[in-house]
């Protein structure tokens, strides 16, 4: 028994080493920070949790989906416990990163150090202290990636499809934006060694739970606020994309355009983030007395945005590319939203964080350059490999997120930053034979 345990520990030394080091690192950060963090978005999560605790949705305004609030509800809305659980999620994420790198034929040693260094990226620690869904989304995305990199497109196993369907359903309930995932995965499956027979496949199971979760939730929202949509934010988010051509909408929406332009100019003049100008239109009650409910106001914002975009497609695509999409490739820093009590700890963290942000910016830039290279390779040989799968997820998310909203788009890139790093590392491995497992060369008899 002792020998078996010793052999087990030896065989899994990198996983246990990863868990041990990250546990110590996260506990040290937890002790050093000694609190939880909240951003403006945290209010909506907390409000939803209160509704879950009271089992009363009379005041439900459709701001959030239930995935993340339900997790907080299960933890009895104890925010320090939420932080600790999110740190455990960070460790779980690192283990899946390690396993994914092994599936991609990295050596165990390389996979260990890459996963460890990536997990020590301070933005991971920062998000883990916030009452925000990013850590949960990162873990779910990392588990989905692990399944896809584990010969998923060659497998036809019902259990795997069910597990992945459950994961995608949870992910969609955390953030409805991810509804495109099952469609993208199935499209990649079809393109990889295309055959008409593949349209009828066990992989269609992938759609069942995600679509059920999405439409069931939309039905619940419709019962409460009167609109069949995952959240009441959709119209407001779409209106954010009209920021720089807000005055070009139809005259019938002048009651929205006039204050929108006014707030935009004021915020630009004051050096504030102008993407929040549409929020001030809501906050200033400029649609009252006809529209006072949040859902009704944001629905009108959506109608205005659709009409404005359809009449100004050139402006929409220009600003989506130069602002929304472009911002996706920046690094969003959560540290300014945090309050550190110890000045020495704060200074040390600030220095490390600044260095890491520069490094991540360089990685994103290299990734974008490599994207053009791999696009050329794909056009040339038409083969779907691990890199193309990663590129499909990252660029689809960047484009779709940019098309849906403008504002803090860099934050939406957070779940994909490790994916970008992996693409860069795969290039180094394939071109320079870094990190890869040594090939067995038969010895002559």
Protein backbone atom coordinates (compact mmCIF):
# COMPACT_ATOMS: atom_id res chain seq x y z
CA UNK A 1 0.00 0.00 0.00
CA UNK A 2 2.83 2.36 0.94
CA UNK A 3 4.67 1.49 -2.27
CA UNK A 4 1.55 2.16 -4.36
CA UNK A 5 1.04 5.54 -2.69
CA UNK A 6 4.69 6.43 -3.28
CA UNK A 7 4.40 5.42 -6.95
CA UNK A 8 1.16 7.40 -7.30
CA UNK A 9 2.79 10.55 -5.89
CA UNK A 10 5.81 10.05 -8.12
CA UNK A 11 3.65 9.61 -11.22
CA UNK A 12 1.66 12.76 -10.37
CA UNK A 13 4.41 14.86 -8.82
CA UNK A 14 3.87 17.78 -11.19
CA UNK A 15 0.12 18.01 -10.49
CA UNK A 16 0.61 17.81 -6.73
CA UNK A 17 3.50 20.26 -6.95
CA UNK A 18 1.32 22.67 -8.91
CA UNK A 19 -1.49 22.38 -6.36
CA UNK A 20 0.87 22.81 -3.40
CA UNK A 21 2.71 25.88 -4.76
CA UNK A 22 -0.48 27.61 -5.90
CA UNK A 23 -2.24 26.88 -2.60
CA UNK A 24 0.61 28.57 -0.72
CA UNK A 25 0.76 31.51 -3.18
CA UNK A 26 -2.99 32.13 -3.09
CA UNK A 27 -3.16 31.88 0.70
CA UNK A 28 -0.32 34.40 0.99
CA UNK A 29 -2.17 36.77 -1.33
CA UNK A 30 -5.42 36.16 0.58
CA UNK A 31 -3.69 37.01 3.87
CA UNK A 32 -1.91 40.02 2.38
CA UNK A 33 -5.07 41.47 0.83
CA UNK A 34 -7.38 40.30 3.63
CA UNK A 35 -10.68 41.40 2.05
CA UNK A 36 -12.91 40.95 -0.96
CA UNK A 37 -13.36 43.33 -3.89
CA UNK A 38 -16.45 44.69 -5.58
CA UNK A 39 -16.85 46.48 -8.89
CA UNK A 40 -19.92 48.35 -10.20
CA UNK A 41 -21.13 45.09 -11.79
CA UNK A 42 -21.06 43.32 -8.41
CA UNK A 43 -24.25 45.03 -7.27
CA UNK A 44 -26.39 43.14 -9.78
CA UNK A 45 -24.94 39.78 -8.68
CA UNK A 46 -25.54 40.60 -5.01
CA UNK A 47 -29.10 41.71 -5.75
CA UNK A 48 -29.83 38.47 -7.60
CA UNK A 49 -28.41 36.42 -4.70
CA UNK A 50 -30.70 38.27 -2.28
CA UNK A 51 -33.67 37.36 -4.50
CA UNK A 52 -32.57 33.72 -4.48
CA UNK A 53 -32.22 33.72 -0.68
CA UNK A 54 -35.67 35.29 -0.23
CA UNK A 55 -37.17 33.22 -3.08
CA UNK A 56 -38.83 36.43 -4.22
CA UNK A 57 -38.36 37.79 -7.74
CA UNK A 58 -40.93 40.58 -7.60
CA UNK A 59 -38.14 43.16 -8.01
CA UNK A 60 -36.30 41.20 -10.71
CA UNK A 61 -35.10 43.58 -13.43
CA UNK A 62 -33.34 41.08 -15.72
CA UNK A 63 -29.80 42.33 -15.15
CA UNK A 64 -28.04 38.99 -14.67
CA UNK A 65 -28.29 35.33 -15.55
CA UNK A 66 -28.37 32.81 -12.66
CA UNK A 67 -25.10 30.89 -13.18
CA UNK A 68 -22.76 32.90 -10.99
CA UNK A 69 -25.33 34.24 -8.46
CA UNK A 70 -26.47 30.67 -7.75
CA UNK A 71 -22.88 29.74 -6.87
CA UNK A 72 -22.75 32.63 -4.38
CA UNK A 73 -26.15 31.55 -3.05
CA UNK A 74 -24.80 28.03 -2.39
CA UNK A 75 -21.98 29.65 -0.39
CA UNK A 76 -24.53 31.45 1.78
CA UNK A 77 -23.54 34.83 0.29
CA UNK A 78 -20.40 34.82 2.44
CA UNK A 79 -18.07 36.92 0.30
CA UNK A 80 -14.85 35.80 1.95
CA UNK A 81 -15.85 32.19 1.35
CA UNK A 82 -16.59 33.13 -2.29
CA UNK A 83 -13.03 34.47 -2.58
CA UNK A 84 -11.57 31.25 -1.15
CA UNK A 85 -13.70 29.12 -3.49
CA UNK A 86 -12.62 31.23 -6.44
CA UNK A 87 -9.00 30.65 -5.43
CA UNK A 88 -9.74 26.92 -5.46
CA UNK A 89 -11.19 27.42 -8.94
CA UNK A 90 -7.88 29.04 -9.92
CA UNK A 91 -6.01 25.94 -8.77
CA UNK A 92 -8.47 23.68 -10.61
CA UNK A 93 -7.95 25.80 -13.75
CA UNK A 94 -4.17 25.36 -13.49
CA UNK A 95 -4.55 21.56 -13.30
CA UNK A 96 -6.65 21.55 -16.48
CA UNK A 97 -4.10 23.80 -18.17
CA UNK A 98 -1.39 21.30 -17.23
CA UNK A 99 -3.42 18.37 -18.60
CA UNK A 100 -4.24 20.30 -21.77
CA UNK A 101 -0.57 21.03 -22.43
CA UNK A 102 0.21 17.33 -22.01
CA UNK A 103 -2.48 16.54 -24.59
CA UNK A 104 -0.74 19.01 -26.89
CA UNK A 105 2.47 16.99 -26.53
CA UNK A 106 4.40 19.32 -24.23
CA UNK A 107 6.76 17.64 -21.79
CA UNK A 108 5.51 17.22 -18.23
CA UNK A 109 8.18 19.59 -16.99
CA UNK A 110 7.34 22.26 -19.57
CA UNK A 111 3.59 21.85 -18.91
CA UNK A 112 4.22 22.28 -15.19
CA UNK A 113 6.23 25.48 -15.48
CA UNK A 114 3.96 27.00 -18.13
CA UNK A 115 0.86 26.29 -16.02
CA UNK A 116 2.55 27.56 -12.86
CA UNK A 117 3.83 30.81 -14.37
CA UNK A 118 0.47 31.42 -16.09
CA UNK A 119 -1.36 30.86 -12.79
CA UNK A 120 0.93 33.35 -11.02
CA UNK A 121 -0.29 36.04 -13.41
CA UNK A 122 -1.59 38.59 -10.90
CA UNK A 123 -4.78 39.37 -12.81
CA UNK A 124 -5.88 35.82 -11.88
CA UNK A 125 -5.40 36.67 -8.19
CA UNK A 126 -7.18 40.01 -8.60
CA UNK A 127 -10.27 38.53 -10.24
CA UNK A 128 -10.44 35.83 -7.57
CA UNK A 129 -11.01 38.50 -4.91
CA UNK A 130 -13.90 40.12 -6.83
CA UNK A 131 -17.60 39.34 -6.69
CA UNK A 132 -17.47 38.92 -10.45
CA UNK A 133 -17.93 35.91 -12.73
CA UNK A 134 -14.55 36.05 -14.53
CA UNK A 135 -12.79 33.37 -12.43
CA UNK A 136 -15.73 30.98 -12.85
CA UNK A 137 -15.78 31.66 -16.62
CA UNK A 138 -12.03 31.10 -16.87
CA UNK A 139 -12.30 27.70 -15.17
CA UNK A 140 -15.24 26.57 -17.33
CA UNK A 141 -13.52 27.75 -20.52
CA UNK A 142 -10.35 25.92 -19.50
CA UNK A 143 -12.24 22.66 -18.88
CA UNK A 144 -13.99 22.97 -22.25
CA UNK A 145 -10.60 23.55 -23.88
CA UNK A 146 -9.22 20.44 -22.15
CA UNK A 147 -12.00 18.28 -23.63
CA UNK A 148 -11.52 19.75 -27.11
CA UNK A 149 -7.76 19.15 -27.00
CA UNK A 150 -8.27 15.54 -25.84
CA UNK A 151 -8.92 14.20 -29.35
CA UNK A 152 -12.52 15.40 -29.07
CA UNK A 153 -13.12 15.67 -32.82
CA UNK A 154 -12.04 12.06 -33.37
CA UNK A 155 -14.14 10.69 -30.49
CA UNK A 156 -17.79 9.66 -30.60
CA UNK A 157 -18.54 8.99 -26.96
CA UNK A 158 -21.97 9.83 -25.56
CA UNK A 159 -20.59 10.47 -22.05
CA UNK A 160 -18.09 13.04 -23.35
CA UNK A 161 -20.83 14.83 -25.31
CA UNK A 162 -23.10 14.90 -22.25
CA UNK A 163 -20.35 16.29 -20.00
CA UNK A 164 -19.46 18.95 -22.57
CA UNK A 165 -23.15 19.80 -23.05
CA UNK A 166 -23.50 20.30 -19.27
CA UNK A 167 -20.38 22.49 -19.14
CA UNK A 168 -21.61 24.65 -22.02
CA UNK A 169 -25.06 25.00 -20.43
CA UNK A 170 -23.49 26.22 -17.17
CA UNK A 171 -21.22 28.59 -19.10
CA UNK A 172 -24.23 30.05 -20.95
CA UNK A 173 -26.10 30.54 -17.67
CA UNK A 174 -23.04 32.40 -16.37
CA UNK A 175 -22.82 34.54 -19.53
CA UNK A 176 -25.31 34.12 -22.42
CA UNK A 177 -22.70 35.45 -24.85
CA UNK A 178 -21.25 31.92 -24.99
CA UNK A 179 -24.35 30.59 -26.79
CA UNK A 180 -22.24 30.46 -29.96
CA UNK A 181 -19.89 27.82 -28.50
CA UNK A 182 -21.86 24.66 -29.43
CA UNK A 183 -22.35 26.01 -32.97
CA UNK A 184 -18.64 26.78 -33.32
CA UNK A 185 -17.59 23.38 -31.96
CA UNK A 186 -19.97 21.53 -34.29
CA UNK A 187 -18.83 23.66 -37.26
CA UNK A 188 -15.19 22.77 -36.53
CA UNK A 189 -16.20 19.10 -36.28
CA UNK A 190 -17.85 19.29 -39.71
CA UNK A 191 -14.96 21.14 -41.36
CA UNK A 192 -12.37 18.70 -39.99
CA UNK A 193 -12.41 15.87 -42.57
CA UNK A 194 -15.77 16.97 -44.00
CA UNK A 195 -18.43 14.40 -44.82
CA UNK A 196 -22.21 14.79 -45.28
CA UNK A 197 -22.69 11.86 -42.89
CA UNK A 198 -21.25 13.96 -40.06
CA UNK A 199 -24.41 16.12 -40.01
CA UNK A 200 -26.13 13.22 -38.24
CA UNK A 201 -23.81 12.56 -35.34
CA UNK A 202 -23.74 11.84 -31.62
CA UNK A 203 -22.19 15.28 -31.33
CA UNK A 204 -25.63 16.84 -31.82
CA UNK A 205 -26.09 16.06 -28.11
CA UNK A 206 -23.87 19.09 -27.61
CA UNK A 207 -26.78 21.41 -28.45
CA UNK A 208 -29.45 19.98 -26.16
CA UNK A 209 -28.66 21.40 -22.73
CA UNK A 210 -27.12 24.72 -23.87
CA UNK A 211 -30.15 25.59 -26.01
CA UNK A 212 -32.56 24.38 -23.33
CA UNK A 213 -30.78 26.48 -20.70
CA UNK A 214 -30.71 29.56 -22.92
CA UNK A 215 -34.34 29.48 -24.06
CA UNK A 216 -35.69 28.42 -20.68
CA UNK A 217 -33.96 31.36 -19.05
CA UNK A 218 -35.19 33.75 -21.76
CA UNK A 219 -38.73 32.50 -21.07
CA UNK A 220 -38.29 33.19 -17.35
CA UNK A 221 -37.03 36.70 -18.12
CA UNK A 222 -40.00 37.31 -20.44
CA UNK A 223 -42.41 36.34 -17.65
CA UNK A 224 -40.75 38.86 -15.31
CA UNK A 225 -39.91 41.85 -17.49
CA UNK A 226 -41.92 41.29 -20.67
CA UNK A 227 -39.07 40.72 -23.13
CA UNK A 228 -37.76 37.41 -24.45
CA UNK A 229 -34.03 37.94 -23.95
CA UNK A 230 -31.32 36.57 -21.59
CA UNK A 231 -30.79 39.90 -19.82
CA UNK A 232 -32.20 43.41 -20.02
CA UNK A 233 -28.69 44.65 -20.82
CA UNK A 234 -28.75 43.64 -24.49
CA UNK A 235 -30.31 46.85 -25.81
CA UNK A 236 -28.11 49.03 -23.62
CA UNK A 237 -24.97 47.17 -24.72
CA UNK A 238 -25.93 47.51 -28.37
CA UNK A 239 -26.53 51.24 -27.89
CA UNK A 240 -22.97 51.56 -26.55
CA UNK A 241 -21.75 50.67 -30.04
CA UNK A 242 -23.49 53.79 -31.38
CA UNK A 243 -21.43 56.08 -29.15
CA UNK A 244 -19.46 57.91 -31.83
CA UNK A 245 -22.35 58.23 -34.30
CA UNK A 246 -25.15 58.56 -31.76
CA UNK A 247 -26.56 61.71 -33.43
CA UNK A 248 -27.09 59.86 -36.73
CA UNK A 249 -30.13 57.90 -35.53
CA UNK A 250 -33.70 58.41 -36.79
CA UNK A 251 -35.37 61.64 -35.62
CA UNK A 252 -38.02 59.63 -33.76
CA UNK A 253 -35.30 58.72 -31.23
CA UNK A 254 -34.17 62.28 -30.56
CA UNK A 255 -35.23 61.87 -26.92
CA UNK A 256 -32.36 59.33 -26.65
CA UNK A 257 -29.87 60.93 -29.04
CA UNK A 258 -29.84 64.40 -27.52
CA UNK A 259 -28.84 63.43 -23.97
CA UNK A 260 -26.59 60.64 -25.30
CA UNK A 261 -24.52 63.08 -27.37
CA UNK A 262 -24.50 65.60 -24.50
CA UNK A 263 -23.10 63.05 -22.03
CA UNK A 264 -20.63 61.73 -24.59
CA UNK A 265 -19.14 65.19 -25.16
CA UNK A 266 -19.02 65.95 -21.43
CA UNK A 267 -17.26 62.68 -20.63
CA UNK A 268 -14.75 63.07 -23.45
CA UNK A 269 -14.01 66.61 -22.27
CA UNK A 270 -13.52 65.44 -18.67
CA UNK A 271 -11.32 62.49 -19.65
CA UNK A 272 -13.89 59.94 -18.48
CA UNK A 273 -14.81 56.66 -20.17
CA UNK A 274 -17.40 57.75 -22.78
CA UNK A 275 -18.69 54.19 -23.28
CA UNK A 276 -20.74 54.72 -20.11
CA UNK A 277 -22.58 57.75 -21.56
CA UNK A 278 -25.68 55.69 -22.37
CA UNK A 279 -25.84 54.68 -18.70
CA UNK A 280 -26.15 58.33 -17.77
CA UNK A 281 -29.08 58.66 -20.16
CA UNK A 282 -30.77 55.96 -18.07
CA UNK A 283 -29.58 57.43 -14.76
CA UNK A 284 -30.84 60.88 -15.72
CA UNK A 285 -34.35 59.50 -16.36
CA UNK A 286 -34.42 61.10 -19.83
CA UNK A 287 -37.00 58.59 -21.07
CA UNK A 288 -39.43 59.33 -18.23
CA UNK A 289 -42.33 59.52 -17.72
CA UNK A 290 -43.17 57.24 -20.67
CA UNK A 291 -40.42 54.73 -19.90
CA UNK A 292 -39.27 54.33 -16.30
CA UNK A 293 -38.69 50.58 -15.81
CA UNK A 294 -35.11 49.52 -16.53
CA UNK A 295 -36.25 46.80 -18.96
CA UNK A 296 -38.48 49.21 -20.90
CA UNK A 297 -35.72 51.81 -21.12
CA UNK A 298 -33.08 49.33 -22.31
CA UNK A 299 -35.56 47.88 -24.81
CA UNK A 300 -35.96 51.37 -26.27
CA UNK A 301 -32.17 51.73 -26.31
CA UNK A 302 -32.08 48.48 -28.32
CA UNK A 303 -34.68 49.72 -30.81
CA UNK A 304 -32.73 52.97 -31.21
CA UNK A 305 -29.44 51.07 -31.64
CA UNK A 306 -30.81 48.69 -34.28
CA UNK A 307 -32.30 51.57 -36.30
CA UNK A 308 -29.14 53.68 -35.99
CA UNK A 309 -26.79 50.83 -36.90
CA UNK A 310 -28.88 49.71 -39.90
CA UNK A 311 -28.81 53.29 -41.25
CA UNK A 312 -25.08 53.73 -40.59
CA UNK A 313 -23.43 50.39 -41.27
CA UNK A 314 -20.19 52.05 -42.38
CA UNK A 315 -19.83 53.88 -39.07
CA UNK A 316 -20.80 50.77 -37.14
CA UNK A 317 -18.15 48.57 -38.77
CA UNK A 318 -15.52 51.31 -38.57
CA UNK A 319 -15.97 51.95 -34.85
CA UNK A 320 -16.42 48.26 -34.07
CA UNK A 321 -13.03 47.60 -35.67
CA UNK A 322 -11.16 50.65 -34.37
CA UNK A 323 -12.64 50.70 -30.85
CA UNK A 324 -14.60 47.62 -29.69
CA UNK A 325 -12.50 44.98 -31.47
CA UNK A 326 -9.23 46.86 -30.97
CA UNK A 327 -9.82 47.19 -27.23
CA UNK A 328 -10.17 43.41 -26.94
CA UNK A 329 -6.41 43.16 -27.48
CA UNK A 330 -5.51 45.46 -24.63
CA UNK A 331 -4.88 44.17 -21.09
CA UNK A 332 -7.56 45.13 -18.59
CA UNK A 333 -6.08 45.93 -15.17
CA UNK A 334 -8.30 45.16 -12.17
CA UNK A 335 -5.83 46.51 -9.60
CA UNK A 336 -7.15 50.12 -9.61
CA UNK A 337 -10.49 48.73 -8.37
CA UNK A 338 -8.81 47.18 -5.32
CA UNK A 339 -7.86 48.73 -1.98
CA UNK A 340 -4.67 47.44 -0.36
CA UNK A 341 -4.16 48.25 3.32
CA UNK A 342 -0.45 47.48 3.48
CA UNK A 343 1.65 49.96 1.46
CA UNK A 344 4.66 47.65 1.10
CA UNK A 345 2.49 44.79 -0.14
CA UNK A 346 0.69 47.18 -2.47
CA UNK A 347 3.96 48.55 -3.92
CA UNK A 348 5.39 45.07 -4.50
CA UNK A 349 2.20 43.92 -6.21
CA UNK A 350 2.12 47.10 -8.34
CA UNK A 351 5.65 46.57 -9.66
CA UNK A 352 5.07 42.90 -10.53
CA UNK A 353 1.69 43.72 -12.05
CA UNK A 354 3.14 46.45 -14.30
CA UNK A 355 5.81 44.06 -15.62
CA UNK A 356 3.24 41.32 -16.23
CA UNK A 357 0.90 43.68 -18.12
CA UNK A 358 3.73 44.64 -20.48
CA UNK A 359 4.57 40.96 -21.02
CA UNK A 360 0.93 40.04 -21.68
CA UNK A 361 0.63 42.95 -24.15
CA UNK A 362 3.66 41.59 -26.03
CA UNK A 363 2.15 38.08 -26.05
CA UNK A 364 -1.12 39.43 -27.48
CA UNK A 365 0.76 41.35 -30.18
CA UNK A 366 2.77 38.25 -31.16
CA UNK A 367 -0.44 36.22 -31.14
CA UNK A 368 -2.07 38.62 -33.61
CA UNK A 369 0.93 38.39 -35.93
CA UNK A 370 0.88 34.59 -35.71
CA UNK A 371 -2.84 34.59 -36.50
CA UNK A 372 -2.05 35.85 -40.01
CA UNK A 373 0.62 33.19 -40.41
CA UNK A 374 -1.70 30.38 -39.32
CA UNK A 375 -4.49 31.71 -41.52
CA UNK A 376 -2.10 31.41 -44.47
CA UNK A 377 -1.15 27.87 -43.40
CA UNK A 378 -4.84 26.89 -43.15
CA UNK A 379 -5.66 28.32 -46.60
CA UNK A 380 -2.71 26.35 -47.95
CA UNK A 381 -3.44 22.91 -46.44
CA UNK A 382 -7.09 23.19 -45.21
CA UNK A 383 -6.28 21.20 -42.05
CA UNK A 384 -7.99 21.86 -38.70
CA UNK A 385 -5.50 21.35 -35.89
CA UNK A 386 -5.16 22.49 -32.27
CA UNK A 387 -3.94 25.96 -33.24
CA UNK A 388 -6.86 26.54 -35.61
CA UNK A 389 -9.32 25.50 -32.89
CA UNK A 390 -7.77 27.99 -30.47
CA UNK A 391 -7.77 30.72 -33.13
CA UNK A 392 -11.42 30.03 -33.92
CA UNK A 393 -12.48 30.51 -30.29
CA UNK A 394 -10.36 33.59 -29.65
CA UNK A 395 -11.16 35.49 -32.84
CA UNK A 396 -14.85 34.54 -32.84
CA UNK A 397 -15.11 35.91 -29.32
CA UNK A 398 -13.22 39.08 -30.21
CA UNK A 399 -15.40 39.78 -33.24
CA UNK A 400 -18.74 38.88 -31.64
CA UNK A 401 -17.98 40.75 -28.42
CA UNK A 402 -16.99 43.79 -30.44
CA UNK A 403 -20.18 43.54 -32.49
CA UNK A 404 -22.38 43.36 -29.38
CA UNK A 405 -20.96 46.10 -27.17
CA UNK A 406 -18.33 48.79 -26.70
CA UNK A 407 -16.85 49.32 -23.26
CA UNK A 408 -14.30 47.39 -21.16
CA UNK A 409 -13.81 44.97 -24.07
CA UNK A 410 -10.31 44.19 -22.80
CA UNK A 411 -11.90 42.55 -19.75
CA UNK A 412 -13.80 40.17 -22.02
CA UNK A 413 -10.46 38.86 -23.32
CA UNK A 414 -9.41 37.60 -19.88
CA UNK A 415 -10.69 33.99 -20.32
CA UNK A 416 -8.71 33.73 -23.57
CA UNK A 417 -5.32 35.10 -22.55
CA UNK A 418 -3.97 31.64 -21.69
CA UNK A 419 -5.26 30.36 -25.06
CA UNK A 420 -3.24 33.11 -26.77
CA UNK A 421 -0.12 32.13 -24.85
CA UNK A 422 -0.60 28.49 -25.90
CA UNK A 423 -0.72 29.50 -29.58
CA UNK A 424 2.59 31.35 -29.19
CA UNK A 425 4.14 28.37 -27.38
CA UNK A 426 2.88 25.92 -30.01
CA UNK A 427 4.58 28.02 -32.67
CA UNK A 428 7.87 27.91 -30.72
CA UNK A 429 7.50 24.18 -30.20
CA UNK A 430 6.77 23.39 -33.83
CA UNK A 431 9.37 25.73 -35.32
CA UNK A 432 12.18 25.37 -32.81
CA UNK A 433 11.30 22.08 -31.08
CA UNK A 434 10.91 23.79 -27.69
CA UNK A 435 8.92 22.08 -24.90
CA UNK A 436 8.01 18.99 -26.95
CA UNK A 437 8.38 15.41 -25.79
CA UNK A 438 11.43 13.63 -27.21
CA UNK A 439 10.57 11.25 -29.99
CA UNK A 440 11.54 7.61 -29.54
CA UNK A 441 14.26 6.65 -31.99
CA UNK A 442 14.71 2.88 -32.36
CA UNK A 443 18.22 1.71 -31.68
CA UNK A 444 19.89 -0.48 -34.33
CA UNK A 445 20.08 -4.14 -33.44
